[in-house]
Protein backbone atom coordinates (compact mmCIF):
# COMPACT_ATOMS: atom_id res chain seq x y z
CA MET A 1 14.46 63.32 -23.33
CA SER A 2 13.61 62.00 -26.81
CA VAL A 3 10.41 60.23 -27.82
CA GLU A 4 12.43 57.08 -28.48
CA VAL A 5 13.79 57.00 -24.95
CA GLU A 6 10.33 57.61 -23.47
CA ALA A 7 8.94 54.76 -25.56
CA LYS A 8 11.63 52.38 -24.39
CA LYS A 9 11.08 53.41 -20.76
CA LYS A 10 7.35 52.75 -21.16
CA SER A 11 7.99 49.35 -22.76
CA ALA A 12 10.33 48.34 -19.93
CA ASP A 13 7.82 49.47 -17.29
CA GLU A 14 5.06 47.45 -18.96
CA GLN A 15 7.28 44.38 -19.05
CA ALA A 16 8.09 44.87 -15.36
CA THR A 17 4.36 44.88 -14.52
CA ILE A 18 3.75 41.70 -16.51
CA VAL A 19 6.76 39.95 -14.96
CA GLY A 20 5.63 40.92 -11.48
CA ALA A 21 2.16 39.47 -12.08
CA GLU A 22 3.59 36.22 -13.49
CA LYS A 23 6.01 35.88 -10.59
CA ALA A 24 3.08 36.13 -8.19
CA LYS A 25 1.24 33.36 -10.08
CA VAL A 26 4.32 31.11 -10.01
CA GLU A 27 4.75 31.72 -6.29
CA VAL A 28 1.14 30.68 -5.61
CA GLU A 29 1.56 27.46 -7.60
CA ASN A 30 4.93 26.77 -5.96
CA ASN A 31 3.25 27.00 -2.56
CA LYS A 32 0.62 24.53 -3.75
CA ALA A 33 3.32 22.14 -4.96
CA GLU A 34 5.13 22.33 -1.63
CA ALA A 35 1.87 21.66 0.22
CA GLU A 36 1.18 18.62 -1.99
CA ALA A 37 4.71 17.33 -1.32
CA VAL A 38 4.05 17.54 2.43
CA VAL A 39 0.79 15.58 2.00
CA CYS A 40 2.48 12.92 -0.13
CA ASN A 41 5.31 12.46 2.37
CA LYS A 42 2.84 12.18 5.25
CA ILE A 43 0.75 9.52 3.47
CA LYS A 44 3.90 7.66 2.39
CA THR A 45 5.14 7.55 6.00
CA GLU A 46 1.75 6.27 7.22
CA VAL A 47 1.57 3.55 4.55
CA GLU A 48 5.12 2.39 5.27
CA ALA A 49 4.28 2.13 8.99
CA LEU A 50 1.17 0.06 8.22
CA VAL A 51 3.11 -2.24 5.90
CA LYS A 52 5.77 -2.74 8.57
CA THR A 53 3.18 -3.55 11.25
CA ALA A 54 1.32 -5.99 8.99
CA GLN A 55 4.53 -7.73 7.95
CA GLU A 56 5.71 -8.06 11.55
CA SER A 57 2.42 -9.73 12.46
CA LEU A 58 2.63 -12.10 9.51
CA ASP A 59 6.25 -12.92 10.32
CA LYS A 60 5.16 -13.96 13.81
CA ALA A 61 2.55 -16.24 12.23
CA GLU A 62 5.01 -18.17 10.08
CA PRO A 63 6.25 -20.39 12.96
CA LEU A 64 2.62 -21.44 13.49
CA VAL A 65 2.45 -22.61 9.88
CA ALA A 66 5.75 -24.43 10.30
CA LYS A 67 4.40 -26.24 13.36
CA ALA A 68 1.17 -27.13 11.56
CA GLU A 69 3.06 -28.49 8.55
CA ALA A 70 5.47 -30.37 10.82
CA ALA A 71 2.46 -31.99 12.50
CA LEU A 72 1.20 -33.20 9.13
CA ALA A 73 4.66 -34.31 8.02
CA GLY A 74 4.88 -36.49 11.11
CA LEU A 75 1.70 -38.38 10.26
CA ASN A 76 2.02 -41.96 9.13
CA ILE A 77 -0.33 -43.16 6.42
CA ASP A 78 -0.44 -46.58 8.09
CA ASP A 79 -1.95 -44.93 11.19
CA PHE A 80 -4.88 -43.78 9.04
CA ARG A 81 -5.30 -47.29 7.67
CA ASN A 82 -5.49 -48.60 11.24
CA LEU A 83 -8.11 -45.99 12.11
CA LYS A 84 -10.27 -47.21 9.25
CA ALA A 85 -10.73 -50.45 11.15
CA LEU A 86 -12.56 -48.61 13.94
CA LYS A 87 -16.34 -48.77 13.64
CA LYS A 88 -16.88 -46.48 16.63
CA PRO A 89 -13.74 -44.54 17.62
CA PRO A 90 -13.11 -42.94 21.03
CA ASP A 91 -14.79 -39.54 21.41
CA ALA A 92 -11.44 -37.69 21.33
CA ILE A 93 -10.61 -39.19 17.91
CA ASN A 94 -14.08 -38.57 16.49
CA GLU A 95 -13.99 -35.01 17.81
CA THR A 96 -10.64 -34.36 16.17
CA PHE A 97 -11.79 -35.59 12.78
CA THR A 98 -15.04 -33.64 13.15
CA CYS A 99 -12.95 -30.48 13.53
CA VAL A 100 -11.10 -31.35 10.33
CA LEU A 101 -14.43 -31.81 8.53
CA HIS A 102 -15.62 -28.42 9.76
CA LEU A 103 -12.46 -26.77 8.44
CA LEU A 104 -12.80 -28.44 5.06
CA CYS A 105 -16.47 -27.49 4.63
CA SER A 106 -17.17 -25.93 1.23
CA ILE A 107 -13.61 -26.85 0.22
CA HIS A 108 -13.61 -30.63 -0.06
CA LYS A 109 -16.27 -31.83 -2.49
CA ASP A 110 -17.04 -35.05 -0.56
CA ILE A 111 -18.04 -33.31 2.67
CA PRO A 112 -21.83 -32.82 2.96
CA VAL A 113 -22.73 -29.18 3.53
CA LYS A 114 -26.01 -27.40 4.20
CA ASN A 115 -26.21 -23.60 4.40
CA GLY A 116 -22.43 -23.49 4.43
CA LYS A 117 -22.13 -25.78 7.46
CA LEU A 118 -21.22 -29.42 8.02
CA ALA A 119 -24.30 -31.60 7.50
CA ALA A 120 -23.29 -35.09 8.58
CA PRO A 121 -25.13 -36.94 11.36
CA ASP A 122 -22.35 -39.53 11.27
CA THR A 123 -19.12 -37.55 11.02
CA TRP A 124 -16.97 -40.64 11.45
CA LYS A 125 -18.46 -42.15 8.31
CA VAL A 126 -17.44 -39.05 6.35
CA ALA A 127 -13.98 -39.13 7.97
CA LEU A 128 -13.55 -42.75 6.89
CA SER A 129 -14.34 -41.80 3.30
CA LEU A 130 -11.62 -39.12 3.42
CA MET A 131 -9.12 -41.62 4.83
CA GLY A 132 -9.92 -43.96 1.95
CA ASN A 133 -7.03 -42.22 0.20
CA PRO A 134 -4.67 -41.13 3.02
CA GLY A 135 -2.16 -39.52 0.65
CA ALA A 136 -4.80 -37.32 -1.00
CA PHE A 137 -6.23 -36.48 2.44
CA LEU A 138 -2.85 -35.26 3.69
CA GLU A 139 -2.28 -33.33 0.48
CA GLU A 140 -5.63 -31.60 1.02
CA LEU A 141 -4.54 -30.53 4.49
CA MET A 142 -1.11 -29.35 3.25
CA SER A 143 -2.83 -27.10 0.69
CA PHE A 144 -5.12 -25.58 3.34
CA LYS A 145 -2.79 -22.73 4.35
CA PRO A 146 -2.72 -21.14 0.85
CA LYS A 147 -6.53 -21.21 0.89
CA VAL A 148 -6.47 -19.29 4.18
CA ASP A 149 -4.09 -16.76 2.60
CA ASP A 150 -6.43 -16.36 -0.39
CA ASP A 151 -9.47 -15.91 1.90
CA LYS A 152 -11.09 -19.06 0.49
CA VAL A 153 -11.87 -20.57 3.90
CA PRO A 154 -15.18 -19.25 5.32
CA ALA A 155 -14.96 -17.76 8.81
CA LYS A 156 -17.82 -20.05 9.91
CA ASN A 157 -15.51 -23.06 9.40
CA PHE A 158 -13.26 -21.85 12.21
CA ALA A 159 -16.19 -20.62 14.29
CA ALA A 160 -17.57 -24.18 14.28
CA ILE A 161 -14.51 -25.59 16.11
CA ARG A 162 -13.97 -22.89 18.76
CA ASP A 163 -15.83 -24.78 21.49
CA THR A 164 -13.75 -27.89 20.87
CA LEU A 165 -10.50 -25.91 20.88
CA ALA A 166 -11.46 -24.43 24.25
CA LYS A 167 -11.61 -27.84 25.89
CA GLU A 168 -8.75 -28.55 28.25
CA ASP A 169 -8.23 -32.09 27.01
CA PHE A 170 -8.16 -31.07 23.34
CA ASN A 171 -4.40 -31.11 22.94
CA PRO A 172 -1.96 -33.22 20.91
CA GLU A 173 -0.50 -35.00 23.93
CA SER A 174 -3.85 -36.23 25.27
CA ILE A 175 -5.26 -37.23 21.90
CA ALA A 176 -2.03 -38.93 20.75
CA LYS A 177 -2.57 -41.45 23.55
CA LYS A 178 -5.67 -42.59 21.66
CA SER A 179 -4.16 -42.27 18.16
CA SER A 180 -0.91 -40.79 16.93
CA ALA A 181 -2.65 -39.77 13.69
CA ALA A 182 -5.42 -37.98 15.61
CA GLY A 183 -2.78 -36.35 17.84
CA GLY A 184 -0.97 -35.00 14.78
CA LEU A 185 -4.24 -33.72 13.33
CA CYS A 186 -5.04 -32.02 16.65
CA ASP A 187 -1.66 -30.28 16.54
CA TRP A 188 -2.35 -29.16 12.97
CA ILE A 189 -5.85 -27.89 13.86
CA ILE A 190 -4.58 -25.80 16.78
CA ASN A 191 -1.72 -24.20 14.83
CA ILE A 192 -3.59 -23.58 11.59
CA THR A 193 -6.36 -21.91 13.61
CA ALA A 194 -3.82 -19.71 15.39
CA TYR A 195 -2.39 -18.79 11.99
CA TYR A 196 -5.87 -17.98 10.67
CA ASP A 197 -6.48 -15.70 13.66
CA VAL A 198 -3.31 -13.76 12.87
CA VAL A 199 -4.24 -13.45 9.20
CA VAL A 200 -7.70 -12.18 10.15
CA SER A 201 -6.20 -9.63 12.55
CA VAL A 202 -3.84 -8.43 9.82
CA GLU A 203 -6.60 -8.09 7.20
CA PRO A 204 -7.73 -4.63 8.45
CA LEU A 205 -4.11 -3.52 8.19
CA ARG A 206 -3.93 -4.85 4.64
CA ASN A 207 -7.09 -2.93 3.78
CA ALA A 208 -5.61 0.20 5.37
CA VAL A 209 -2.42 -0.29 3.34
CA ARG A 210 -4.48 -0.71 0.16
CA GLU A 211 -6.48 2.45 0.89
CA GLY A 212 -3.31 4.30 1.85
CA ASN A 213 -1.64 3.34 -1.42
CA GLU A 214 -4.69 4.56 -3.33
CA LYS A 215 -4.56 7.88 -1.44
CA LEU A 216 -0.83 8.14 -2.09
CA ALA A 217 -1.31 7.47 -5.81
CA ALA A 218 -4.00 10.16 -5.98
CA ALA A 219 -1.82 12.62 -4.05
CA ASN A 220 1.18 11.88 -6.28
CA ALA A 221 -0.96 12.38 -9.38
CA LYS A 222 -2.18 15.74 -8.06
CA LYS A 223 1.38 16.75 -7.13
CA ALA A 224 2.62 15.79 -10.61
CA GLU A 225 -0.14 17.95 -12.11
CA VAL A 226 0.85 20.95 -9.94
CA ASP A 227 4.56 20.36 -10.65
CA ALA A 228 3.86 20.33 -14.38
CA LEU A 229 1.94 23.61 -14.09
CA VAL A 230 4.78 25.18 -12.07
CA ALA A 231 7.32 24.05 -14.67
CA LYS A 232 5.17 25.52 -17.46
CA LEU A 233 4.73 28.84 -15.61
CA ASN A 234 8.45 29.01 -14.82
CA SER A 235 9.24 28.43 -18.49
CA GLU A 236 6.84 31.16 -19.55
CA LEU A 237 8.20 33.46 -16.83
CA GLN A 238 11.73 32.94 -18.11
CA VAL A 239 10.64 34.07 -21.58
CA LEU A 240 9.10 37.20 -20.02
CA LEU A 241 12.24 37.80 -17.93
CA ASP A 242 14.39 37.55 -21.06
CA THR A 243 12.10 40.06 -22.83
CA TYR A 244 12.11 42.32 -19.76
CA ASN A 245 15.91 42.21 -19.47
CA ALA A 246 16.24 43.05 -23.15
CA ALA A 247 13.81 45.97 -22.75
CA MET A 248 15.69 47.22 -19.69
CA LYS A 249 18.96 47.08 -21.59
CA GLU A 250 17.47 49.04 -24.46
CA LYS A 251 16.02 51.56 -21.98
CA ASN A 252 19.31 51.97 -20.14
CA ASP A 253 21.28 52.17 -23.40
CA ALA A 254 18.86 54.79 -24.72
CA ILE A 255 19.03 56.82 -21.50
CA ALA A 256 22.82 56.60 -21.50
CA ALA A 257 22.95 57.68 -25.16
CA ALA A 258 20.53 60.55 -24.50
CA GLU A 259 22.50 61.70 -21.47
CA LYS A 260 25.72 61.55 -23.48
CA CYS A 261 24.11 63.57 -26.26
CA GLU A 262 22.78 66.14 -23.77
CA LEU A 263 26.23 66.40 -22.22
CA LYS A 264 27.77 67.05 -25.64
CA MET A 265 25.13 69.67 -26.41
CA SER A 266 25.74 71.32 -23.05
CA LEU A 267 29.45 71.44 -23.66
CA ALA A 268 28.92 72.80 -27.17
CA THR A 269 26.57 75.47 -25.87
CA ARG A 270 29.08 76.51 -23.24
CA LEU A 271 31.83 76.57 -25.89
CA VAL A 272 29.75 78.74 -28.18
CA SER A 273 28.94 81.07 -25.28
CA ALA A 274 32.60 81.26 -24.34
CA LEU A 275 33.62 82.04 -27.92
CA GLY A 276 30.89 84.67 -28.18
CA SER A 277 32.12 86.42 -25.10
CA GLU A 278 35.60 86.49 -26.56
């Protein structure tokens, strides 16, 4: 076989070796990409489950907010004006307003606070100052829920009223017999506290969702990096495959041409031998 054919066979064999090595590299990176896709899908599923659980809990809390707001909406400003006439209210009324003061600690500027807690020996006096403007007082209470959502209400505010909430006679029906305004406030206190408890229970889920989203973003970024590398290697492999296919064609064409030439020479030799024998 001619030197040209041997050279083309050698070139094709070299290309085959290179292509084989590159295919192995692409396969390794493809396996990595598939593994990253599995990780991303797993994290995505976990995050979606956490989001669903958190949202279901918050959805259950919305009726509590509605009840709390309905309690405030049912309050009559005139009832507050009547309460202002009381120098020493019944304990149930004073206790209700004291709970409101605890909840508004560090939020309402006119409530005396020391070390983050209510500091008022005479809580009724402070309550009377708040009722000096009943409309503003109610508006303050209506804007309390968004502050809970934004984590602007210290946990100690709610901790300060737990003992009162646990009392059997601390309920809207009992307190409304003393004052309809105090009864409405009691209803609001109970429901806004229940809402707060749900929000607090959901907070770990929100943190888990936040962390899960961060993990998912990192995993997606890593997957995108691997995918980009696989695409680059596949592109480079295709160039090598094209070169290899061209070399193989040249090799096969050269072998076919050489074999055809050898066949012709063989036939010619046989013809010459036949003629010589004649």
